[in-house]
Amino acid sequence: MSGEATVDSHVRFMGSAFIGYGLGWVEAAASPTPNLPRMRVLSGLMALGGASRLVTRATLGRPHRFHDLLLGVELAAPVVVEVLGRLDRPAR
């Protein structure tokens, strides 16, 4: 069994999952009134991925530097979605 084949298989599978995830973002945000509850779920999933990266850092060390940028985006997404969602609401 080849480790390279295992990693390649996993990366290709995750690529298709990310395409679906991206289409979910496009669908949730594209309408004149964005689907805020769905965007919250999607950004929460993104933050969960960021938390998973933090576990990797703690247990195995720092990955490639590009992953620092990804980590920042993953942890900032829920904050940005929530702030923009609250700004878009009419005053009560």
C-alpha atoms as a PDB file:
ATOM      1  CA  MET A   1       0.000   0.000   0.000  1.00  0.00           C
ATOM      2  CA  SER A   2       1.410   3.348  -1.018  1.00  0.00           C
ATOM      3  CA  GLY A   3       1.249   6.348   1.287  1.00  0.00           C
ATOM      4  CA  GLU A   4       1.320   8.593  -1.759  1.00  0.00           C
ATOM      5  CA  ALA A   5      -1.761   6.903  -3.201  1.00  0.00           C
ATOM      6  CA  THR A   6      -3.570   7.296   0.132  1.00  0.00           C
ATOM      7  CA  VAL A   7      -2.791  11.013   0.353  1.00  0.00           C
ATOM      8  CA  ASP A   8      -3.642  11.553  -3.328  1.00  0.00           C
ATOM      9  CA  SER A   9      -6.967   9.756  -2.907  1.00  0.00           C
ATOM     10  CA  HIS A  10      -7.816  11.822   0.171  1.00  0.00           C
ATOM     11  CA  VAL A  11      -6.877  15.137  -1.452  1.00  0.00           C
ATOM     12  CA  ARG A  12      -8.923  14.366  -4.567  1.00  0.00           C
ATOM     13  CA  PHE A  13     -11.944  13.408  -2.474  1.00  0.00           C
ATOM     14  CA  MET A  14     -11.653  16.565  -0.373  1.00  0.00           C
ATOM     15  CA  GLY A  15     -11.371  18.625  -3.556  1.00  0.00           C
ATOM     16  CA  SER A  16     -14.820  17.514  -4.649  1.00  0.00           C
ATOM     17  CA  ALA A  17     -16.191  18.192  -1.151  1.00  0.00           C
ATOM     18  CA  PHE A  18     -14.752  21.729  -1.280  1.00  0.00           C
ATOM     19  CA  ILE A  19     -16.427  22.323  -4.641  1.00  0.00           C
ATOM     20  CA  GLY A  20     -19.765  21.445  -3.050  1.00  0.00           C
ATOM     21  CA  TYR A  21     -18.967  23.619  -0.047  1.00  0.00           C
ATOM     22  CA  GLY A  22     -18.101  26.557  -2.313  1.00  0.00           C
ATOM     23  CA  LEU A  23     -21.319  26.114  -4.275  1.00  0.00           C
ATOM     24  CA  GLY A  24     -23.189  26.207  -0.957  1.00  0.00           C
ATOM     25  CA  TRP A  25     -21.597  29.587  -0.199  1.00  0.00           C
ATOM     26  CA  VAL A  26     -22.480  30.914  -3.641  1.00  0.00           C
ATOM     27  CA  GLU A  27     -26.087  29.748  -3.317  1.00  0.00           C
ATOM     28  CA  ALA A  28     -26.448  31.179   0.200  1.00  0.00           C
ATOM     29  CA  ALA A  29     -24.954  34.572  -0.667  1.00  0.00           C
ATOM     30  CA  ALA A  30     -26.114  35.135  -4.256  1.00  0.00           C
ATOM     31  CA  SER A  31     -29.728  36.105  -3.727  1.00  0.00           C
ATOM     32  CA  PRO A  32     -30.795  39.717  -3.091  1.00  0.00           C
ATOM     33  CA  THR A  33     -31.423  38.668   0.521  1.00  0.00           C
ATOM     34  CA  PRO A  34     -28.586  36.310   1.535  1.00  0.00           C
ATOM     35  CA  ASN A  35     -29.509  33.210   3.514  1.00  0.00           C
ATOM     36  CA  LEU A  36     -27.879  34.251   6.798  1.00  0.00           C
ATOM     37  CA  PRO A  37     -28.713  31.063   8.745  1.00  0.00           C
ATOM     38  CA  ARG A  38     -27.073  28.926   6.046  1.00  0.00           C
ATOM     39  CA  MET A  39     -24.083  31.277   5.897  1.00  0.00           C
ATOM     40  CA  ARG A  40     -23.703  30.923   9.674  1.00  0.00           C
ATOM     41  CA  VAL A  41     -23.639  27.135   9.369  1.00  0.00           C
ATOM     42  CA  LEU A  42     -21.090  27.287   6.542  1.00  0.00           C
ATOM     43  CA  SER A  43     -18.855  29.721   8.425  1.00  0.00           C
ATOM     44  CA  GLY A  44     -19.144  27.540  11.532  1.00  0.00           C
ATOM     45  CA  LEU A  45     -17.949  24.568   9.499  1.00  0.00           C
ATOM     46  CA  MET A  46     -15.072  26.693   8.253  1.00  0.00           C
ATOM     47  CA  ALA A  47     -14.169  27.607  11.852  1.00  0.00           C
ATOM     48  CA  LEU A  48     -14.274  23.918  12.772  1.00  0.00           C
ATOM     49  CA  GLY A  49     -11.724  23.309  10.030  1.00  0.00           C
ATOM     50  CA  GLY A  50      -9.597  26.096  11.517  1.00  0.00           C
ATOM     51  CA  ALA A  51      -9.854  24.503  14.943  1.00  0.00           C
ATOM     52  CA  SER A  52      -8.692  21.240  13.375  1.00  0.00           C
ATOM     53  CA  ARG A  53      -5.643  23.059  11.991  1.00  0.00           C
ATOM     54  CA  LEU A  54      -4.893  24.308  15.512  1.00  0.00           C
ATOM     55  CA  VAL A  55      -4.949  20.696  16.748  1.00  0.00           C
ATOM     56  CA  THR A  56      -2.435  19.783  14.039  1.00  0.00           C
ATOM     57  CA  ARG A  57      -0.184  22.656  15.133  1.00  0.00           C
ATOM     58  CA  ALA A  58      -0.374  21.561  18.740  1.00  0.00           C
ATOM     59  CA  THR A  59       0.281  17.893  18.070  1.00  0.00           C
ATOM     60  CA  LEU A  60       2.491  17.762  14.960  1.00  0.00           C
ATOM     61  CA  GLY A  61       3.927  21.252  14.567  1.00  0.00           C
ATOM     62  CA  ARG A  62       3.509  24.082  12.117  1.00  0.00           C
ATOM     63  CA  PRO A  63       2.522  23.137   8.571  1.00  0.00           C
ATOM     64  CA  HIS A  64       3.480  25.108   5.463  1.00  0.00           C
ATOM     65  CA  ARG A  65       3.228  28.900   5.911  1.00  0.00           C
ATOM     66  CA  PHE A  66       0.322  29.142   3.455  1.00  0.00           C
ATOM     67  CA  HIS A  67      -1.750  27.279   6.049  1.00  0.00           C
ATOM     68  CA  ASP A  68      -1.335  30.265   8.378  1.00  0.00           C
ATOM     69  CA  LEU A  69      -3.304  32.351   5.867  1.00  0.00           C
ATOM     70  CA  LEU A  70      -5.934  29.636   5.573  1.00  0.00           C
ATOM     71  CA  LEU A  71      -6.177  29.413   9.362  1.00  0.00           C
ATOM     72  CA  GLY A  72      -6.744  33.169   9.602  1.00  0.00           C
ATOM     73  CA  VAL A  73      -9.531  33.050   7.014  1.00  0.00           C
ATOM     74  CA  GLU A  74     -11.146  30.030   8.654  1.00  0.00           C
ATOM     75  CA  LEU A  75     -11.230  31.640  12.086  1.00  0.00           C
ATOM     76  CA  ALA A  76     -12.268  35.086  10.817  1.00  0.00           C
ATOM     77  CA  ALA A  77     -15.139  33.908   8.582  1.00  0.00           C
ATOM     78  CA  PRO A  78     -17.732  33.439  11.355  1.00  0.00           C
ATOM     79  CA  VAL A  79     -16.919  36.854  12.800  1.00  0.00           C
ATOM     80  CA  VAL A  80     -17.215  38.560   9.406  1.00  0.00           C
ATOM     81  CA  VAL A  81     -20.493  36.785   8.568  1.00  0.00           C
ATOM     82  CA  GLU A  82     -21.991  37.703  11.935  1.00  0.00           C
ATOM     83  CA  VAL A  83     -20.877  41.351  11.833  1.00  0.00           C
ATOM     84  CA  LEU A  84     -22.143  41.835   8.268  1.00  0.00           C
ATOM     85  CA  GLY A  85     -25.371  40.006   9.114  1.00  0.00           C
ATOM     86  CA  ARG A  86     -26.014  42.288  12.065  1.00  0.00           C
ATOM     87  CA  LEU A  87     -25.192  45.426  10.068  1.00  0.00           C
ATOM     88  CA  ASP A  88     -27.646  44.390   7.359  1.00  0.00           C
ATOM     89  CA  ARG A  89     -30.578  43.941   9.753  1.00  0.00           C
ATOM     90  CA  PRO A  90     -33.067  46.783  10.049  1.00  0.00           C
ATOM     91  CA  ALA A  91     -32.985  48.639  13.369  1.00  0.00           C
ATOM     92  CA  ARG A  92     -35.582  47.436  15.876  1.00  0.00           C
END
